[in-house]
Structures are given as structure tokens and as C-alpha cells.
Amino acid sequence: NTIMEMAAEAGTVEDLELEDVLKAGYGGIKCVESGGPEPGVGCAGRGVITAINFLEEEGAYEDDLDFVFYDVLGDVVCGGFAMPIRENKAQEIYIVCSGEMMAL
């Protein structure tokens, strides 16, 4: 489940614990999915902002992490998608695109 789904079920993101949303995968890689509203309803960028703020408040970045990856849409209809860049949460930024229509 995503942070936004679990927050909706719990009532608020403050009712969640880091262990509820953070899953360890292959090689101990820690994964979190922010999620967002249903398509056409609400602001998907809000999910990005809420998730990153929650992870910071819960100490997700305090471990000895080598890398943190944000996979966000390149579509900046609202400022939420640009939040990791705008608030200096990234030391390096890589733009990945493809020739598929959905990437345009």
C-alpha cells in the first residue's frame, strides 16, 4: 500500500509509522511508494510533498543511506512534482526519458 492510501485509511498521515510504509527488498533496499489521488481527482503533487515530509519527520533519511531515488513525473502541472528539486533534497538530478508517447 502507498503512504496516501494508508493515510486515508488511518485518517491522517500522522497516524502512520515508518515501519507501516517502508518495505525492505532485495539486498536490503528500502522502498516506499507515495501514491496519490484517483486520476482526475485532487493534486497528485500533494502526494509527493506529503510523502517526503512524512519520511523526513519519521527519520527515514537518518540511516546510513548511499542513495535516495525519487521517481516523479516530469509533468510539472503543480509544484508538488518539483518539490524534491526546489527544496534542495537532491544533490544530483538525472532526467530519464524515452521515445514512447507517454514520456512526451
PDB file of N, CA and C in Angstrom:
ATOM      1  N   ASN A   1       0.832  -1.197   0.000  1.00  0.00           N
ATOM      2  CA  ASN A   1       0.000   0.000   0.000  1.00  0.00           C
ATOM      3  C   ASN A   1       0.869   1.251   0.000  1.00  0.00           C
ATOM      4  N   THR A   2       0.317   2.339  -0.512  1.00  0.00           N
ATOM      5  CA  THR A   2       1.065   3.587  -0.581  1.00  0.00           C
ATOM      6  C   THR A   2       0.844   4.415   0.688  1.00  0.00           C
ATOM      7  N   ILE A   3       1.694   5.422   0.866  1.00  0.00           N
ATOM      8  CA  ILE A   3       1.544   6.318   2.016  1.00  0.00           C
ATOM      9  C   ILE A   3       0.175   6.988   1.984  1.00  0.00           C
ATOM     10  N   MET A   4      -0.239   7.464   0.814  1.00  0.00           N
ATOM     11  CA  MET A   4      -1.515   8.166   0.710  1.00  0.00           C
ATOM     12  C   MET A   4      -2.701   7.241   0.975  1.00  0.00           C
ATOM     13  N   GLU A   5      -2.647   5.996   0.503  1.00  0.00           N
ATOM     14  CA  GLU A   5      -3.726   5.037   0.773  1.00  0.00           C
ATOM     15  C   GLU A   5      -3.824   4.745   2.267  1.00  0.00           C
ATOM     16  N   MET A   6      -2.679   4.501   2.869  1.00  0.00           N
ATOM     17  CA  MET A   6      -2.669   4.166   4.293  1.00  0.00           C
ATOM     18  C   MET A   6      -3.089   5.361   5.151  1.00  0.00           C
ATOM     19  N   ALA A   7      -2.705   6.566   4.735  1.00  0.00           N
ATOM     20  CA  ALA A   7      -3.112   7.769   5.471  1.00  0.00           C
ATOM     21  C   ALA A   7      -4.623   7.960   5.376  1.00  0.00           C
ATOM     22  N   ALA A   8      -5.195   7.677   4.205  1.00  0.00           N
ATOM     23  CA  ALA A   8      -6.646   7.795   4.036  1.00  0.00           C
ATOM     24  C   ALA A   8      -7.378   6.793   4.930  1.00  0.00           C
ATOM     25  N   GLU A   9      -6.841   5.573   5.017  1.00  0.00           N
ATOM     26  CA  GLU A   9      -7.455   4.548   5.868  1.00  0.00           C
ATOM     27  C   GLU A   9      -7.317   4.896   7.354  1.00  0.00           C
ATOM     28  N   ALA A  10      -6.142   5.425   7.727  1.00  0.00           N
ATOM     29  CA  ALA A  10      -5.878   5.743   9.137  1.00  0.00           C
ATOM     30  C   ALA A  10      -6.535   7.050   9.568  1.00  0.00           C
ATOM     31  N   GLY A  11      -6.836   7.905   8.603  1.00  0.00           N
ATOM     32  CA  GLY A  11      -7.435   9.199   8.921  1.00  0.00           C
ATOM     33  C   GLY A  11      -6.496  10.353   8.665  1.00  0.00           C
ATOM     34  N   THR A  12      -5.207  10.157   8.899  1.00  0.00           N
ATOM     35  CA  THR A  12      -4.203  11.191   8.651  1.00  0.00           C
ATOM     36  C   THR A  12      -2.823  10.545   8.598  1.00  0.00           C
ATOM     37  N   VAL A  13      -1.894  11.233   7.961  1.00  0.00           N
ATOM     38  CA  VAL A  13      -0.532  10.696   7.842  1.00  0.00           C
ATOM     39  C   VAL A  13       0.157  10.642   9.208  1.00  0.00           C
ATOM     40  N   GLU A  14      -0.274  11.477  10.139  1.00  0.00           N
ATOM     41  CA  GLU A  14       0.304  11.473  11.488  1.00  0.00           C
ATOM     42  C   GLU A  14       0.012  10.180  12.243  1.00  0.00           C
ATOM     43  N   ASP A  15      -0.980   9.427  11.778  1.00  0.00           N
ATOM     44  CA  ASP A  15      -1.334   8.164  12.428  1.00  0.00           C
ATOM     45  C   ASP A  15      -0.517   6.987  11.906  1.00  0.00           C
ATOM     46  N   LEU A  16       0.402   7.240  10.989  1.00  0.00           N
ATOM     47  CA  LEU A  16       1.230   6.173  10.416  1.00  0.00           C
ATOM     48  C   LEU A  16       2.592   6.115  11.094  1.00  0.00           C
ATOM     49  N   GLU A  17       3.208   4.968  11.023  1.00  0.00           N
ATOM     50  CA  GLU A  17       4.581   4.774  11.483  1.00  0.00           C
ATOM     51  C   GLU A  17       5.430   4.444  10.266  1.00  0.00           C
ATOM     52  N   LEU A  18       6.704   4.744  10.341  1.00  0.00           N
ATOM     53  CA  LEU A  18       7.615   4.467   9.234  1.00  0.00           C
ATOM     54  C   LEU A  18       7.576   2.991   8.847  1.00  0.00           C
ATOM     55  N   GLU A  19       7.517   2.117   9.835  1.00  0.00           N
ATOM     56  CA  GLU A  19       7.504   0.675   9.577  1.00  0.00           C
ATOM     57  C   GLU A  19       6.270   0.247   8.787  1.00  0.00           C
ATOM     58  N   ASP A  20       5.194   1.038   8.853  1.00  0.00           N
ATOM     59  CA  ASP A  20       3.972   0.711   8.113  1.00  0.00           C
ATOM     60  C   ASP A  20       4.175   0.845   6.611  1.00  0.00           C
ATOM     61  N   VAL A  21       4.990   1.798   6.191  1.00  0.00           N
ATOM     62  CA  VAL A  21       5.101   2.116   4.763  1.00  0.00           C
ATOM     63  C   VAL A  21       6.429   1.697   4.137  1.00  0.00           C
ATOM     64  N   LEU A  22       7.467   1.559   4.933  1.00  0.00           N
ATOM     65  CA  LEU A  22       8.795   1.237   4.400  1.00  0.00           C
ATOM     66  C   LEU A  22       8.963  -0.280   4.301  1.00  0.00           C
ATOM     67  N   LYS A  23       9.272  -0.749   3.112  1.00  0.00           N
ATOM     68  CA  LYS A  23       9.465  -2.185   2.888  1.00  0.00           C
ATOM     69  C   LYS A  23      10.904  -2.429   2.450  1.00  0.00           C
ATOM     70  N   ALA A  24      11.503  -3.481   2.980  1.00  0.00           N
ATOM     71  CA  ALA A  24      12.865  -3.853   2.576  1.00  0.00           C
ATOM     72  C   ALA A  24      12.766  -4.874   1.450  1.00  0.00           C
ATOM     73  N   GLY A  25      13.520  -4.636   0.399  1.00  0.00           N
ATOM     74  CA  GLY A  25      13.525  -5.535  -0.746  1.00  0.00           C
ATOM     75  C   GLY A  25      14.853  -6.246  -0.892  1.00  0.00           C
ATOM     76  N   TYR A  26      15.152  -6.648  -2.102  1.00  0.00           N
ATOM     77  CA  TYR A  26      16.371  -7.378  -2.427  1.00  0.00           C
ATOM     78  C   TYR A  26      17.598  -6.606  -1.952  1.00  0.00           C
ATOM     79  N   GLY A  27      18.504  -7.284  -1.275  1.00  0.00           N
ATOM     80  CA  GLY A  27      19.743  -6.665  -0.816  1.00  0.00           C
ATOM     81  C   GLY A  27      19.540  -5.594   0.243  1.00  0.00           C
ATOM     82  N   GLY A  28      18.391  -5.612   0.914  1.00  0.00           N
ATOM     83  CA  GLY A  28      18.142  -4.615   1.953  1.00  0.00           C
ATOM     84  C   GLY A  28      17.739  -3.250   1.425  1.00  0.00           C
ATOM     85  N   ILE A  29      17.405  -3.172   0.135  1.00  0.00           N
ATOM     86  CA  ILE A  29      16.984  -1.896  -0.442  1.00  0.00           C
ATOM     87  C   ILE A  29      15.636  -1.508   0.155  1.00  0.00           C
ATOM     88  N   LYS A  30      15.558  -0.284   0.679  1.00  0.00           N
ATOM     89  CA  LYS A  30      14.336   0.198   1.317  1.00  0.00           C
ATOM     90  C   LYS A  30      13.478   0.922   0.287  1.00  0.00           C
ATOM     91  N   CYS A  31      12.199   0.575   0.248  1.00  0.00           N
ATOM     92  CA  CYS A  31      11.291   1.129  -0.757  1.00  0.00           C
ATOM     93  C   CYS A  31      10.045   1.713  -0.106  1.00  0.00           C
ATOM     94  N   VAL A  32       9.595   2.837  -0.660  1.00  0.00           N
ATOM     95  CA  VAL A  32       8.360   3.478  -0.221  1.00  0.00           C
ATOM     96  C   VAL A  32       7.656   3.998  -1.466  1.00  0.00           C
ATOM     97  N   GLU A  33       6.354   3.845  -1.519  1.00  0.00           N
ATOM     98  CA  GLU A  33       5.544   4.382  -2.620  1.00  0.00           C
ATOM     99  C   GLU A  33       4.655   5.468  -2.045  1.00  0.00           C
ATOM    100  N   SER A  34       4.723   6.675  -2.614  1.00  0.00           N
ATOM    101  CA  SER A  34       3.928   7.775  -2.063  1.00  0.00           C
ATOM    102  C   SER A  34       2.458   7.662  -2.432  1.00  0.00           C
ATOM    103  N   GLY A  35       2.167   7.332  -3.681  1.00  0.00           N
ATOM    104  CA  GLY A  35       0.775   7.263  -4.123  1.00  0.00           C
ATOM    105  C   GLY A  35       0.212   8.644  -4.359  1.00  0.00           C
ATOM    106  N   GLY A  36      -1.078   8.705  -4.583  1.00  0.00           N
ATOM    107  CA  GLY A  36      -1.744   9.969  -4.853  1.00  0.00           C
ATOM    108  C   GLY A  36      -3.233   9.748  -4.987  1.00  0.00           C
ATOM    109  N   PRO A  37      -3.949  10.777  -5.396  1.00  0.00           N
ATOM    110  CA  PRO A  37      -5.403  10.655  -5.533  1.00  0.00           C
ATOM    111  C   PRO A  37      -5.780   9.859  -6.784  1.00  0.00           C
ATOM    112  N   GLU A  38      -7.059   9.540  -6.897  1.00  0.00           N
ATOM    113  CA  GLU A  38      -7.537   8.891  -8.110  1.00  0.00           C
ATOM    114  C   GLU A  38      -7.302   9.844  -9.276  1.00  0.00           C
ATOM    115  N   PRO A  39      -7.037   9.302 -10.483  1.00  0.00           N
ATOM    116  CA  PRO A  39      -6.831  10.173 -11.647  1.00  0.00           C
ATOM    117  C   PRO A  39      -8.007  11.137 -11.837  1.00  0.00           C
ATOM    118  N   GLY A  40      -7.680  12.394 -12.051  1.00  0.00           N
ATOM    119  CA  GLY A  40      -8.697  13.416 -12.259  1.00  0.00           C
ATOM    120  C   GLY A  40      -9.292  13.981 -10.982  1.00  0.00           C
ATOM    121  N   VAL A  41      -8.827  13.501  -9.832  1.00  0.00           N
ATOM    122  CA  VAL A  41      -9.366  13.969  -8.551  1.00  0.00           C
ATOM    123  C   VAL A  41      -8.207  14.422  -7.667  1.00  0.00           C
ATOM    124  N   GLY A  42      -8.149  15.673  -7.331  1.00  0.00           N
ATOM    125  CA  GLY A  42      -7.107  16.149  -6.422  1.00  0.00           C
ATOM    126  C   GLY A  42      -5.782  16.414  -7.111  1.00  0.00           C
ATOM    127  N   CYS A  43      -4.783  16.712  -6.317  1.00  0.00           N
ATOM    128  CA  CYS A  43      -3.452  17.079  -6.804  1.00  0.00           C
ATOM    129  C   CYS A  43      -2.471  15.952  -6.504  1.00  0.00           C
ATOM    130  N   ALA A  44      -1.956  15.315  -7.558  1.00  0.00           N
ATOM    131  CA  ALA A  44      -1.005  14.213  -7.367  1.00  0.00           C
ATOM    132  C   ALA A  44       0.293  14.706  -6.734  1.00  0.00           C
ATOM    133  N   GLY A  45       0.677  15.944  -7.007  1.00  0.00           N
ATOM    134  CA  GLY A  45       1.881  16.505  -6.410  1.00  0.00           C
ATOM    135  C   GLY A  45       1.787  16.589  -4.898  1.00  0.00           C
ATOM    136  N   ARG A  46       0.578  16.705  -4.400  1.00  0.00           N
ATOM    137  CA  ARG A  46       0.371  16.741  -2.946  1.00  0.00           C
ATOM    138  C   ARG A  46       0.857  15.443  -2.312  1.00  0.00           C
ATOM    139  N   GLY A  47       0.703  14.323  -3.025  1.00  0.00           N
ATOM    140  CA  GLY A  47       1.190  13.040  -2.529  1.00  0.00           C
ATOM    141  C   GLY A  47       2.696  13.036  -2.377  1.00  0.00           C
ATOM    142  N   VAL A  48       3.389  13.651  -3.331  1.00  0.00           N
ATOM    143  CA  VAL A  48       4.852  13.738  -3.275  1.00  0.00           C
ATOM    144  C   VAL A  48       5.276  14.555  -2.062  1.00  0.00           C
ATOM    145  N   ILE A  49       4.664  15.717  -1.892  1.00  0.00           N
ATOM    146  CA  ILE A  49       5.003  16.598  -0.770  1.00  0.00           C
ATOM    147  C   ILE A  49       4.706  15.917   0.567  1.00  0.00           C
ATOM    148  N   THR A  50       3.527  15.333   0.685  1.00  0.00           N
ATOM    149  CA  THR A  50       3.130  14.661   1.926  1.00  0.00           C
ATOM    150  C   THR A  50       4.072  13.517   2.255  1.00  0.00           C
ATOM    151  N   ALA A  51       4.406  12.708   1.247  1.00  0.00           N
ATOM    152  CA  ALA A  51       5.273  11.546   1.466  1.00  0.00           C
ATOM    153  C   ALA A  51       6.669  11.966   1.912  1.00  0.00           C
ATOM    154  N   ILE A  52       7.265  12.928   1.233  1.00  0.00           N
ATOM    155  CA  ILE A  52       8.627  13.347   1.580  1.00  0.00           C
ATOM    156  C   ILE A  52       8.659  13.977   2.971  1.00  0.00           C
ATOM    157  N   ASN A  53       7.679  14.817   3.278  1.00  0.00           N
ATOM    158  CA  ASN A  53       7.626  15.413   4.618  1.00  0.00           C
ATOM    159  C   ASN A  53       7.462  14.340   5.690  1.00  0.00           C
ATOM    160  N   PHE A  54       6.597  13.355   5.435  1.00  0.00           N
ATOM    161  CA  PHE A  54       6.389  12.260   6.383  1.00  0.00           C
ATOM    162  C   PHE A  54       7.686  11.489   6.601  1.00  0.00           C
ATOM    163  N   LEU A  55       8.380  11.155   5.522  1.00  0.00           N
ATOM    164  CA  LEU A  55       9.627  10.392   5.627  1.00  0.00           C
ATOM    165  C   LEU A  55      10.684  11.161   6.416  1.00  0.00           C
ATOM    166  N   GLU A  56      10.759  12.469   6.201  1.00  0.00           N
ATOM    167  CA  GLU A  56      11.712  13.291   6.961  1.00  0.00           C
ATOM    168  C   GLU A  56      11.363  13.307   8.446  1.00  0.00           C
ATOM    169  N   GLU A  57      10.090  13.528   8.745  1.00  0.00           N
ATOM    170  CA  GLU A  57       9.657  13.608  10.142  1.00  0.00           C
ATOM    171  C   GLU A  57       9.842  12.283  10.876  1.00  0.00           C
ATOM    172  N   GLU A  58       9.707  11.171  10.159  1.00  0.00           N
ATOM    173  CA  GLU A  58       9.835   9.847  10.771  1.00  0.00           C
ATOM    174  C   GLU A  58      11.278   9.338  10.791  1.00  0.00           C
ATOM    175  N   GLY A  59      12.217  10.137  10.281  1.00  0.00           N
ATOM    176  CA  GLY A  59      13.626   9.765  10.335  1.00  0.00           C
ATOM    177  C   GLY A  59      14.079   8.772   9.280  1.00  0.00           C
ATOM    178  N   ALA A  60      13.365   8.697   8.173  1.00  0.00           N
ATOM    179  CA  ALA A  60      13.720   7.735   7.122  1.00  0.00           C
ATOM    180  C   ALA A  60      15.077   8.034   6.495  1.00  0.00           C
ATOM    181  N   TYR A  61      15.504   9.281   6.543  1.00  0.00           N
ATOM    182  CA  TYR A  61      16.766   9.662   5.913  1.00  0.00           C
ATOM    183  C   TYR A  61      17.929   9.673   6.900  1.00  0.00           C
ATOM    184  N   GLU A  62      17.696   9.289   8.136  1.00  0.00           N
ATOM    185  CA  GLU A  62      18.747   9.335   9.149  1.00  0.00           C
ATOM    186  C   GLU A  62      19.664   8.121   9.130  1.00  0.00           C
ATOM    187  N   ASP A  63      19.240   7.035   8.481  1.00  0.00           N
ATOM    188  CA  ASP A  63      20.103   5.857   8.359  1.00  0.00           C
ATOM    189  C   ASP A  63      21.291   6.188   7.468  1.00  0.00           C
ATOM    190  N   ASP A  64      22.252   5.303   7.448  1.00  0.00           N
ATOM    191  CA  ASP A  64      23.421   5.478   6.592  1.00  0.00           C
ATOM    192  C   ASP A  64      23.050   5.057   5.166  1.00  0.00           C
ATOM    193  N   LEU A  65      22.362   5.938   4.453  1.00  0.00           N
ATOM    194  CA  LEU A  65      21.906   5.638   3.097  1.00  0.00           C
ATOM    195  C   LEU A  65      22.959   6.049   2.081  1.00  0.00           C
ATOM    196  N   ASP A  66      23.140   5.227   1.065  1.00  0.00           N
ATOM    197  CA  ASP A  66      24.066   5.573  -0.007  1.00  0.00           C
ATOM    198  C   ASP A  66      23.389   6.452  -1.058  1.00  0.00           C
ATOM    199  N   PHE A  67      22.155   6.111  -1.406  1.00  0.00           N
ATOM    200  CA  PHE A  67      21.414   6.843  -2.430  1.00  0.00           C
ATOM    201  C   PHE A  67      19.947   6.922  -2.038  1.00  0.00           C
ATOM    202  N   VAL A  68      19.292   7.988  -2.490  1.00  0.00           N
ATOM    203  CA  VAL A  68      17.841   8.110  -2.382  1.00  0.00           C
ATOM    204  C   VAL A  68      17.348   8.481  -3.773  1.00  0.00           C
ATOM    205  N   PHE A  69      16.430   7.693  -4.303  1.00  0.00           N
ATOM    206  CA  PHE A  69      15.886   7.940  -5.634  1.00  0.00           C
ATOM    207  C   PHE A  69      14.442   8.395  -5.521  1.00  0.00           C
ATOM    208  N   TYR A  70      14.101   9.441  -6.267  1.00  0.00           N
ATOM    209  CA  TYR A  70      12.718   9.889  -6.389  1.00  0.00           C
ATOM    210  C   TYR A  70      12.319   9.672  -7.839  1.00  0.00           C
ATOM    211  N   ASP A  71      11.294   8.895  -8.059  1.00  0.00           N
ATOM    212  CA  ASP A  71      10.770   8.685  -9.405  1.00  0.00           C
ATOM    213  C   ASP A  71       9.511   9.525  -9.503  1.00  0.00           C
ATOM    214  N   VAL A  72       9.637  10.722 -10.059  1.00  0.00           N
ATOM    215  CA  VAL A  72       8.494  11.630 -10.142  1.00  0.00           C
ATOM    216  C   VAL A  72       8.197  11.953 -11.595  1.00  0.00           C
ATOM    217  N   LEU A  73       6.976  12.363 -11.837  1.00  0.00           N
ATOM    218  CA  LEU A  73       6.569  12.733 -13.189  1.00  0.00           C
ATOM    219  C   LEU A  73       7.335  13.965 -13.649  1.00  0.00           C
ATOM    220  N   GLY A  74       7.608  14.032 -14.928  1.00  0.00           N
ATOM    221  CA  GLY A  74       8.250  15.216 -15.481  1.00  0.00           C
ATOM    222  C   GLY A  74       7.244  16.318 -15.740  1.00  0.00           C
ATOM    223  N   ASP A  75       5.985  16.002 -15.614  1.00  0.00           N
ATOM    224  CA  ASP A  75       4.894  16.934 -15.859  1.00  0.00           C
ATOM    225  C   ASP A  75       4.724  17.814 -14.625  1.00  0.00           C
ATOM    226  N   VAL A  76       5.084  19.072 -14.739  1.00  0.00           N
ATOM    227  CA  VAL A  76       5.002  19.944 -13.568  1.00  0.00           C
ATOM    228  C   VAL A  76       3.764  20.825 -13.622  1.00  0.00           C
ATOM    229  N   VAL A  77       2.604  20.187 -13.668  1.00  0.00           N
ATOM    230  CA  VAL A  77       1.345  20.925 -13.670  1.00  0.00           C
ATOM    231  C   VAL A  77       1.179  21.666 -12.352  1.00  0.00           C
ATOM    232  N   CYS A  78       1.629  21.046 -11.294  1.00  0.00           N
ATOM    233  CA  CYS A  78       1.614  21.708  -9.992  1.00  0.00           C
ATOM    234  C   CYS A  78       3.009  21.555  -9.388  1.00  0.00           C
ATOM    235  N   GLY A  79       3.310  22.352  -8.416  1.00  0.00           N
ATOM    236  CA  GLY A  79       4.658  22.369  -7.857  1.00  0.00           C
ATOM    237  C   GLY A  79       5.071  21.141  -7.087  1.00  0.00           C
ATOM    238  N   GLY A  80       4.146  20.259  -6.775  1.00  0.00           N
ATOM    239  CA  GLY A  80       4.460  19.091  -5.964  1.00  0.00           C
ATOM    240  C   GLY A  80       5.506  18.181  -6.569  1.00  0.00           C
ATOM    241  N   PHE A  81       5.465  18.011  -7.879  1.00  0.00           N
ATOM    242  CA  PHE A  81       6.415  17.122  -8.531  1.00  0.00           C
ATOM    243  C   PHE A  81       7.832  17.683  -8.498  1.00  0.00           C
ATOM    244  N   ALA A  82       7.953  19.006  -8.455  1.00  0.00           N
ATOM    245  CA  ALA A  82       9.268  19.640  -8.446  1.00  0.00           C
ATOM    246  C   ALA A  82       9.814  19.820  -7.029  1.00  0.00           C
ATOM    247  N   MET A  83       9.057  19.432  -6.019  1.00  0.00           N
ATOM    248  CA  MET A  83       9.436  19.660  -4.626  1.00  0.00           C
ATOM    249  C   MET A  83      10.805  19.105  -4.261  1.00  0.00           C
ATOM    250  N   PRO A  84      11.157  17.866  -4.657  1.00  0.00           N
ATOM    251  CA  PRO A  84      12.492  17.369  -4.298  1.00  0.00           C
ATOM    252  C   PRO A  84      13.619  18.241  -4.859  1.00  0.00           C
ATOM    253  N   ILE A  85      13.385  18.856  -6.000  1.00  0.00           N
ATOM    254  CA  ILE A  85      14.393  19.727  -6.614  1.00  0.00           C
ATOM    255  C   ILE A  85      14.363  21.101  -5.948  1.00  0.00           C
ATOM    256  N   ARG A  86      13.175  21.667  -5.840  1.00  0.00           N
ATOM    257  CA  ARG A  86      13.002  23.030  -5.334  1.00  0.00           C
ATOM    258  C   ARG A  86      13.530  23.196  -3.916  1.00  0.00           C
ATOM    259  N   GLU A  87      13.369  22.184  -3.083  1.00  0.00           N
ATOM    260  CA  GLU A  87      13.783  22.300  -1.683  1.00  0.00           C
ATOM    261  C   GLU A  87      15.145  21.658  -1.424  1.00  0.00           C
ATOM    262  N   ASN A  88      15.959  21.559  -2.462  1.00  0.00           N
ATOM    263  CA  ASN A  88      17.332  21.051  -2.355  1.00  0.00           C
ATOM    264  C   ASN A  88      17.429  19.681  -1.694  1.00  0.00           C
ATOM    265  N   LYS A  89      16.533  18.799  -2.042  1.00  0.00           N
ATOM    266  CA  LYS A  89      16.566  17.446  -1.499  1.00  0.00           C
ATOM    267  C   LYS A  89      17.410  16.537  -2.385  1.00  0.00           C
ATOM    268  N   ALA A  90      17.930  17.086  -3.459  1.00  0.00           N
ATOM    269  CA  ALA A  90      18.742  16.299  -4.386  1.00  0.00           C
ATOM    270  C   ALA A  90      20.104  16.955  -4.574  1.00  0.00           C
ATOM    271  N   GLN A  91      21.158  16.144  -4.525  1.00  0.00           N
ATOM    272  CA  GLN A  91      22.495  16.649  -4.816  1.00  0.00           C
ATOM    273  C   GLN A  91      22.777  16.551  -6.310  1.00  0.00           C
ATOM    274  N   GLU A  92      22.206  15.539  -6.947  1.00  0.00           N
ATOM    275  CA  GLU A  92      22.342  15.356  -8.390  1.00  0.00           C
ATOM    276  C   GLU A  92      20.976  15.023  -8.950  1.00  0.00           C
ATOM    277  N   ILE A  93      20.720  15.448 -10.182  1.00  0.00           N
ATOM    278  CA  ILE A  93      19.441  15.168 -10.831  1.00  0.00           C
ATOM    279  C   ILE A  93      19.720  14.582 -12.205  1.00  0.00           C
ATOM    280  N   TYR A  94      19.065  13.474 -12.496  1.00  0.00           N
ATOM    281  CA  TYR A  94      19.172  12.835 -13.799  1.00  0.00           C
ATOM    282  C   TYR A  94      17.794  12.814 -14.433  1.00  0.00           C
ATOM    283  N   ILE A  95      17.719  13.259 -15.664  1.00  0.00           N
ATOM    284  CA  ILE A  95      16.453  13.222 -16.387  1.00  0.00           C
ATOM    285  C   ILE A  95      16.489  12.022 -17.321  1.00  0.00           C
ATOM    286  N   VAL A  96      15.532  11.127 -17.146  1.00  0.00           N
ATOM    287  CA  VAL A  96      15.460   9.914 -17.954  1.00  0.00           C
ATOM    288  C   VAL A  96      14.195   9.991 -18.784  1.00  0.00           C
ATOM    289  N   CYS A  97      14.335   9.808 -20.088  1.00  0.00           N
ATOM    290  CA  CYS A  97      13.155   9.841 -20.947  1.00  0.00           C
ATOM    291  C   CYS A  97      13.277   8.759 -22.016  1.00  0.00           C
ATOM    292  N   SER A  98      12.206   8.563 -22.743  1.00  0.00           N
ATOM    293  CA  SER A  98      12.202   7.557 -23.800  1.00  0.00           C
ATOM    294  C   SER A  98      11.438   8.106 -24.993  1.00  0.00           C
ATOM    295  N   GLY A  99      11.437   7.356 -26.063  1.00  0.00           N
ATOM    296  CA  GLY A  99      10.731   7.769 -27.269  1.00  0.00           C
ATOM    297  C   GLY A  99       9.256   7.416 -27.253  1.00  0.00           C
ATOM    298  N   GLU A 100       8.769   6.845 -26.167  1.00  0.00           N
ATOM    299  CA  GLU A 100       7.361   6.473 -26.100  1.00  0.00           C
ATOM    300  C   GLU A 100       6.495   7.714 -25.924  1.00  0.00           C
ATOM    301  N   MET A 101       5.293   7.677 -26.442  1.00  0.00           N
ATOM    302  CA  MET A 101       4.393   8.827 -26.359  1.00  0.00           C
ATOM    303  C   MET A 101       4.125   9.254 -24.917  1.00  0.00           C
ATOM    304  N   MET A 102       4.030   8.306 -23.997  1.00  0.00           N
ATOM    305  CA  MET A 102       3.752   8.655 -22.606  1.00  0.00           C
ATOM    306  C   MET A 102       4.899   9.450 -21.983  1.00  0.00           C
ATOM    307  N   ALA A 103       6.101   9.350 -22.524  1.00  0.00           N
ATOM    308  CA  ALA A 103       7.239  10.100 -21.995  1.00  0.00           C
ATOM    309  C   ALA A 103       7.230  11.535 -22.501  1.00  0.00           C
ATOM    310  N   LEU A 104       6.447  11.813 -23.516  1.00  0.00           N
ATOM    311  CA  LEU A 104       6.381  13.159 -24.065  1.00  0.00           C
ATOM    312  C   LEU A 104       5.265  13.868 -23.391  1.00  0.00           C
TER     313      LEU A 104
END
